[in-house]
Amino acid sequence: MAELKELIGKTLISIEQNKDGDEVLFTTNTGEKYKMLHYQDCCECVMIEDVVGDYEDLLNTPILVAEERSQEDENACESATWTFYEFRTIKGSVTIRWYGESNGYYSEEVDFCKL
């Protein structure tokens, strides 16, 4: 696993979100690759629910902010969590909102890995 803050100061040249909404691949100008995803298990589901902003605003300029916030969904039947990932450059910001739900015994977290 990697720390999200590893992206601070790095310059992204590519951001690819898969069509299923469960993975985002970040590529830096030095060839480093990072992936944001959730390793699905039984009785849980973690997906990208929304992206606010334009990925283009994060490209070809250093990342100034890379932070994570989470909040429990108190209206969920069993267990659910929103996780917000905010990225900012001098050109703008993007917030990726993930939503995870489970029966309470499985992880609803998003993994951030260096490939």
N, C-alpha and C. Protein backbone atom coordinates (compact mmCIF):
# COMPACT_ATOMS: atom_id res chain seq x y z
N MET A 1 0.83 -1.18 0.00
CA MET A 1 0.00 0.00 0.00
C MET A 1 0.88 1.25 0.00
N ALA A 2 0.31 2.30 -0.51
CA ALA A 2 1.00 3.59 -0.55
C ALA A 2 0.18 4.61 0.24
N GLU A 3 0.78 5.71 0.54
CA GLU A 3 0.10 6.82 1.21
C GLU A 3 -0.35 7.80 0.13
N LEU A 4 -1.54 8.30 0.25
CA LEU A 4 -2.08 9.26 -0.71
C LEU A 4 -1.18 10.49 -0.82
N LYS A 5 -0.59 10.90 0.30
CA LYS A 5 0.24 12.10 0.32
C LYS A 5 1.51 11.94 -0.52
N GLU A 6 1.82 10.70 -0.96
CA GLU A 6 2.97 10.50 -1.85
C GLU A 6 2.80 11.25 -3.16
N LEU A 7 1.56 11.57 -3.53
CA LEU A 7 1.33 12.29 -4.78
C LEU A 7 1.66 13.77 -4.68
N ILE A 8 1.75 14.31 -3.48
CA ILE A 8 2.03 15.73 -3.32
C ILE A 8 3.41 16.04 -3.89
N GLY A 9 3.45 17.04 -4.77
CA GLY A 9 4.70 17.43 -5.43
C GLY A 9 4.96 16.70 -6.73
N LYS A 10 4.22 15.64 -6.99
CA LYS A 10 4.39 14.89 -8.23
C LYS A 10 3.51 15.50 -9.32
N THR A 11 3.91 15.29 -10.57
CA THR A 11 3.16 15.79 -11.71
C THR A 11 2.51 14.61 -12.42
N LEU A 12 1.20 14.63 -12.49
CA LEU A 12 0.46 13.57 -13.16
C LEU A 12 0.36 13.88 -14.65
N ILE A 13 0.53 12.84 -15.47
CA ILE A 13 0.36 13.02 -16.92
C ILE A 13 -0.85 12.26 -17.44
N SER A 14 -1.40 11.38 -16.59
CA SER A 14 -2.56 10.59 -17.02
C SER A 14 -3.36 10.16 -15.80
N ILE A 15 -4.70 10.24 -15.94
CA ILE A 15 -5.62 9.71 -14.94
C ILE A 15 -6.68 8.95 -15.71
N GLU A 16 -6.81 7.66 -15.42
CA GLU A 16 -7.77 6.82 -16.12
C GLU A 16 -8.71 6.17 -15.12
N GLN A 17 -10.00 6.41 -15.29
CA GLN A 17 -11.02 5.77 -14.46
C GLN A 17 -11.69 4.70 -15.30
N ASN A 18 -11.77 3.48 -14.79
CA ASN A 18 -12.39 2.43 -15.58
C ASN A 18 -13.89 2.63 -15.66
N LYS A 19 -14.51 2.01 -16.65
CA LYS A 19 -15.94 2.23 -16.90
C LYS A 19 -16.83 1.66 -15.80
N ASP A 20 -16.32 0.69 -15.03
CA ASP A 20 -17.12 0.10 -13.95
C ASP A 20 -17.16 0.97 -12.70
N GLY A 21 -16.31 1.99 -12.65
CA GLY A 21 -16.31 2.90 -11.51
C GLY A 21 -15.72 2.31 -10.25
N ASP A 22 -14.74 1.40 -10.43
CA ASP A 22 -14.14 0.83 -9.22
C ASP A 22 -12.62 0.88 -9.22
N GLU A 23 -12.03 1.64 -10.18
CA GLU A 23 -10.57 1.80 -10.21
C GLU A 23 -10.21 3.12 -10.87
N VAL A 24 -9.15 3.76 -10.33
CA VAL A 24 -8.58 4.94 -10.96
C VAL A 24 -7.07 4.72 -11.00
N LEU A 25 -6.47 4.90 -12.19
CA LEU A 25 -5.03 4.73 -12.39
C LEU A 25 -4.40 6.11 -12.61
N PHE A 26 -3.39 6.43 -11.79
CA PHE A 26 -2.67 7.69 -11.89
C PHE A 26 -1.26 7.39 -12.40
N THR A 27 -0.79 8.14 -13.41
CA THR A 27 0.56 7.98 -13.94
C THR A 27 1.28 9.31 -13.83
N THR A 28 2.51 9.27 -13.28
CA THR A 28 3.29 10.50 -13.12
C THR A 28 4.23 10.69 -14.31
N ASN A 29 4.80 11.88 -14.39
CA ASN A 29 5.73 12.19 -15.48
C ASN A 29 7.04 11.42 -15.37
N THR A 30 7.29 10.76 -14.25
CA THR A 30 8.50 9.93 -14.10
C THR A 30 8.20 8.45 -14.33
N GLY A 31 6.95 8.15 -14.72
CA GLY A 31 6.58 6.77 -15.01
C GLY A 31 6.01 5.99 -13.84
N GLU A 32 5.94 6.62 -12.67
CA GLU A 32 5.34 5.93 -11.52
C GLU A 32 3.84 5.78 -11.75
N LYS A 33 3.30 4.66 -11.28
CA LYS A 33 1.87 4.41 -11.41
C LYS A 33 1.29 4.09 -10.04
N TYR A 34 0.12 4.67 -9.79
CA TYR A 34 -0.62 4.44 -8.56
C TYR A 34 -2.04 4.05 -8.93
N LYS A 35 -2.62 3.17 -8.16
CA LYS A 35 -3.99 2.75 -8.42
C LYS A 35 -4.83 2.91 -7.17
N MET A 36 -6.03 3.47 -7.36
CA MET A 36 -7.01 3.60 -6.29
C MET A 36 -8.11 2.60 -6.63
N LEU A 37 -8.39 1.67 -5.70
CA LEU A 37 -9.37 0.62 -5.94
C LEU A 37 -9.78 0.00 -4.61
N HIS A 38 -10.72 -0.92 -4.70
CA HIS A 38 -11.12 -1.68 -3.53
C HIS A 38 -11.11 -3.15 -3.94
N TYR A 39 -10.44 -3.98 -3.15
CA TYR A 39 -10.44 -5.42 -3.41
C TYR A 39 -11.73 -5.98 -2.84
N GLN A 40 -12.68 -6.25 -3.72
CA GLN A 40 -14.02 -6.70 -3.31
C GLN A 40 -13.96 -8.06 -2.61
N ASP A 41 -14.82 -8.19 -1.64
CA ASP A 41 -14.97 -9.43 -0.90
C ASP A 41 -16.46 -9.73 -0.83
N CYS A 42 -16.80 -10.77 -0.17
CA CYS A 42 -18.20 -11.16 0.00
C CYS A 42 -18.96 -10.10 0.80
N CYS A 43 -20.22 -9.92 0.49
CA CYS A 43 -21.13 -9.12 1.32
C CYS A 43 -20.73 -7.65 1.45
N GLU A 44 -20.11 -7.08 0.40
CA GLU A 44 -19.74 -5.68 0.40
C GLU A 44 -19.62 -5.16 -1.02
N CYS A 45 -19.69 -3.86 -1.15
CA CYS A 45 -19.54 -3.22 -2.45
C CYS A 45 -18.98 -1.83 -2.21
N VAL A 46 -17.91 -1.48 -2.93
CA VAL A 46 -17.28 -0.18 -2.81
C VAL A 46 -17.05 0.34 -4.22
N MET A 47 -17.67 1.48 -4.55
CA MET A 47 -17.62 2.02 -5.91
C MET A 47 -17.47 3.54 -5.88
N ILE A 48 -17.01 4.08 -7.01
CA ILE A 48 -17.00 5.53 -7.17
C ILE A 48 -18.43 5.97 -7.40
N GLU A 49 -18.88 6.88 -6.55
CA GLU A 49 -20.24 7.38 -6.67
C GLU A 49 -20.30 8.68 -7.46
N ASP A 50 -19.23 9.49 -7.38
CA ASP A 50 -19.27 10.78 -8.04
C ASP A 50 -17.86 11.35 -8.16
N VAL A 51 -17.63 12.13 -9.20
CA VAL A 51 -16.38 12.88 -9.36
C VAL A 51 -16.77 14.33 -9.58
N VAL A 52 -16.29 15.20 -8.70
CA VAL A 52 -16.56 16.63 -8.83
C VAL A 52 -15.28 17.29 -9.30
N GLY A 53 -15.34 17.95 -10.44
CA GLY A 53 -14.17 18.58 -11.03
C GLY A 53 -13.77 17.85 -12.29
N ASP A 54 -12.70 18.32 -12.90
CA ASP A 54 -12.22 17.80 -14.17
C ASP A 54 -10.81 17.24 -13.98
N TYR A 55 -10.62 15.96 -14.30
CA TYR A 55 -9.30 15.35 -14.16
C TYR A 55 -8.23 16.17 -14.89
N GLU A 56 -8.58 16.83 -15.97
CA GLU A 56 -7.61 17.64 -16.74
C GLU A 56 -6.95 18.70 -15.87
N ASP A 57 -7.65 19.19 -14.85
CA ASP A 57 -7.08 20.22 -13.96
C ASP A 57 -5.94 19.68 -13.11
N LEU A 58 -5.81 18.36 -13.05
CA LEU A 58 -4.75 17.75 -12.24
C LEU A 58 -3.52 17.37 -13.06
N LEU A 59 -3.61 17.51 -14.37
CA LEU A 59 -2.52 17.04 -15.24
C LEU A 59 -1.49 18.12 -15.53
N ASN A 60 -0.24 17.68 -15.63
CA ASN A 60 0.88 18.50 -16.09
C ASN A 60 1.20 19.69 -15.20
N THR A 61 0.87 19.59 -13.94
CA THR A 61 1.25 20.59 -12.95
C THR A 61 1.31 19.86 -11.59
N PRO A 62 2.21 20.24 -10.71
CA PRO A 62 2.37 19.49 -9.45
C PRO A 62 1.10 19.44 -8.59
N ILE A 63 0.92 18.31 -7.95
CA ILE A 63 -0.17 18.13 -6.99
C ILE A 63 0.20 18.88 -5.72
N LEU A 64 -0.69 19.76 -5.27
CA LEU A 64 -0.45 20.55 -4.06
C LEU A 64 -1.13 19.94 -2.83
N VAL A 65 -2.30 19.31 -3.05
CA VAL A 65 -3.07 18.70 -1.97
C VAL A 65 -3.54 17.34 -2.41
N ALA A 66 -3.40 16.35 -1.55
CA ALA A 66 -3.94 15.01 -1.76
C ALA A 66 -4.38 14.52 -0.39
N GLU A 67 -5.69 14.56 -0.14
CA GLU A 67 -6.16 14.20 1.19
C GLU A 67 -7.43 13.37 1.13
N GLU A 68 -7.65 12.65 2.21
CA GLU A 68 -8.80 11.74 2.35
C GLU A 68 -9.64 12.14 3.55
N ARG A 69 -10.96 12.09 3.37
CA ARG A 69 -11.91 12.29 4.46
C ARG A 69 -12.97 11.21 4.33
N SER A 70 -13.56 10.82 5.44
CA SER A 70 -14.63 9.82 5.37
C SER A 70 -15.75 10.19 6.33
N GLN A 71 -16.91 9.63 6.04
CA GLN A 71 -18.09 9.88 6.85
C GLN A 71 -19.00 8.66 6.77
N GLU A 72 -19.49 8.23 7.90
CA GLU A 72 -20.42 7.10 7.92
C GLU A 72 -21.79 7.54 7.43
N ASP A 73 -22.47 6.65 6.72
CA ASP A 73 -23.85 6.89 6.28
C ASP A 73 -24.76 6.36 7.38
N GLU A 74 -25.29 7.25 8.16
CA GLU A 74 -26.12 6.83 9.29
C GLU A 74 -27.50 6.34 8.87
N ASN A 75 -27.85 6.52 7.60
CA ASN A 75 -29.15 6.05 7.09
C ASN A 75 -29.06 4.68 6.44
N ALA A 76 -27.87 4.09 6.42
CA ALA A 76 -27.68 2.78 5.79
C ALA A 76 -28.35 1.69 6.62
N CYS A 77 -28.79 0.65 5.93
CA CYS A 77 -29.44 -0.48 6.62
C CYS A 77 -28.48 -1.17 7.58
N GLU A 78 -27.26 -1.45 7.11
CA GLU A 78 -26.29 -2.12 7.97
C GLU A 78 -25.10 -1.21 8.21
N SER A 79 -24.16 -1.16 7.27
CA SER A 79 -22.98 -0.32 7.42
C SER A 79 -22.63 0.29 6.07
N ALA A 80 -22.30 1.58 6.06
CA ALA A 80 -21.90 2.25 4.82
C ALA A 80 -21.04 3.46 5.15
N THR A 81 -20.11 3.76 4.23
CA THR A 81 -19.17 4.86 4.43
C THR A 81 -18.95 5.59 3.12
N TRP A 82 -18.97 6.93 3.19
CA TRP A 82 -18.52 7.74 2.07
C TRP A 82 -17.07 8.07 2.34
N THR A 83 -16.23 7.97 1.30
CA THR A 83 -14.83 8.39 1.42
C THR A 83 -14.56 9.38 0.29
N PHE A 84 -14.04 10.54 0.66
CA PHE A 84 -13.78 11.62 -0.28
C PHE A 84 -12.28 11.78 -0.45
N TYR A 85 -11.82 11.79 -1.70
CA TYR A 85 -10.42 12.01 -2.01
C TYR A 85 -10.32 13.31 -2.77
N GLU A 86 -9.63 14.29 -2.17
CA GLU A 86 -9.49 15.58 -2.82
C GLU A 86 -8.06 15.76 -3.30
N PHE A 87 -7.95 16.18 -4.56
CA PHE A 87 -6.67 16.48 -5.18
C PHE A 87 -6.73 17.91 -5.69
N ARG A 88 -5.63 18.67 -5.50
CA ARG A 88 -5.65 20.07 -5.93
C ARG A 88 -4.32 20.43 -6.57
N THR A 89 -4.39 21.23 -7.63
CA THR A 89 -3.23 21.84 -8.26
C THR A 89 -3.53 23.33 -8.38
N ILE A 90 -2.61 24.10 -8.98
CA ILE A 90 -2.90 25.52 -9.18
C ILE A 90 -3.99 25.71 -10.23
N LYS A 91 -4.29 24.67 -11.03
CA LYS A 91 -5.31 24.79 -12.07
C LYS A 91 -6.72 24.47 -11.57
N GLY A 92 -6.85 23.77 -10.47
CA GLY A 92 -8.16 23.41 -9.95
C GLY A 92 -8.11 22.21 -9.04
N SER A 93 -9.29 21.71 -8.69
CA SER A 93 -9.34 20.56 -7.79
C SER A 93 -10.36 19.53 -8.28
N VAL A 94 -10.16 18.32 -7.80
CA VAL A 94 -11.06 17.20 -8.11
C VAL A 94 -11.31 16.45 -6.82
N THR A 95 -12.57 16.12 -6.58
CA THR A 95 -12.94 15.28 -5.44
C THR A 95 -13.59 14.02 -5.98
N ILE A 96 -13.01 12.88 -5.62
CA ILE A 96 -13.56 11.58 -6.00
C ILE A 96 -14.28 11.04 -4.77
N ARG A 97 -15.59 10.81 -4.92
CA ARG A 97 -16.39 10.31 -3.79
C ARG A 97 -16.68 8.84 -4.01
N TRP A 98 -16.21 8.02 -3.09
CA TRP A 98 -16.47 6.58 -3.09
C TRP A 98 -17.56 6.28 -2.08
N TYR A 99 -18.36 5.25 -2.36
CA TYR A 99 -19.38 4.81 -1.41
C TYR A 99 -19.19 3.32 -1.19
N GLY A 100 -19.04 2.94 0.06
CA GLY A 100 -18.87 1.53 0.40
C GLY A 100 -19.95 1.08 1.35
N GLU A 101 -20.51 -0.09 1.07
CA GLU A 101 -21.51 -0.65 1.98
C GLU A 101 -21.23 -2.13 2.19
N SER A 102 -21.56 -2.58 3.40
CA SER A 102 -21.32 -3.98 3.75
C SER A 102 -22.29 -4.38 4.86
N ASN A 103 -22.13 -5.64 5.26
CA ASN A 103 -22.95 -6.11 6.39
C ASN A 103 -22.31 -5.74 7.72
N GLY A 104 -21.23 -4.98 7.68
CA GLY A 104 -20.57 -4.53 8.91
C GLY A 104 -19.35 -5.34 9.28
N TYR A 105 -19.15 -6.47 8.63
CA TYR A 105 -18.00 -7.33 8.95
C TYR A 105 -16.89 -7.20 7.92
N TYR A 106 -17.11 -6.45 6.84
CA TYR A 106 -16.13 -6.34 5.76
C TYR A 106 -15.70 -4.89 5.59
N SER A 107 -14.57 -4.70 4.96
CA SER A 107 -14.01 -3.37 4.77
C SER A 107 -14.82 -2.57 3.76
N GLU A 108 -14.95 -1.29 4.02
CA GLU A 108 -15.56 -0.36 3.09
C GLU A 108 -14.53 0.69 2.64
N GLU A 109 -13.25 0.38 2.90
CA GLU A 109 -12.17 1.30 2.59
C GLU A 109 -11.70 1.16 1.16
N VAL A 110 -11.08 2.24 0.68
CA VAL A 110 -10.48 2.26 -0.66
C VAL A 110 -8.98 2.09 -0.48
N ASP A 111 -8.37 1.28 -1.34
CA ASP A 111 -6.94 1.05 -1.27
C ASP A 111 -6.23 1.97 -2.27
N PHE A 112 -5.05 2.43 -1.90
CA PHE A 112 -4.21 3.24 -2.77
C PHE A 112 -2.87 2.54 -2.84
N CYS A 113 -2.52 2.05 -4.03
CA CYS A 113 -1.34 1.21 -4.19
C CYS A 113 -0.38 1.80 -5.21
N LYS A 114 0.91 1.65 -4.94
CA LYS A 114 1.92 1.97 -5.94
C LYS A 114 2.19 0.71 -6.72
N LEU A 115 2.13 0.81 -8.04
CA LEU A 115 2.33 -0.38 -8.88
C LEU A 115 3.79 -0.55 -9.25
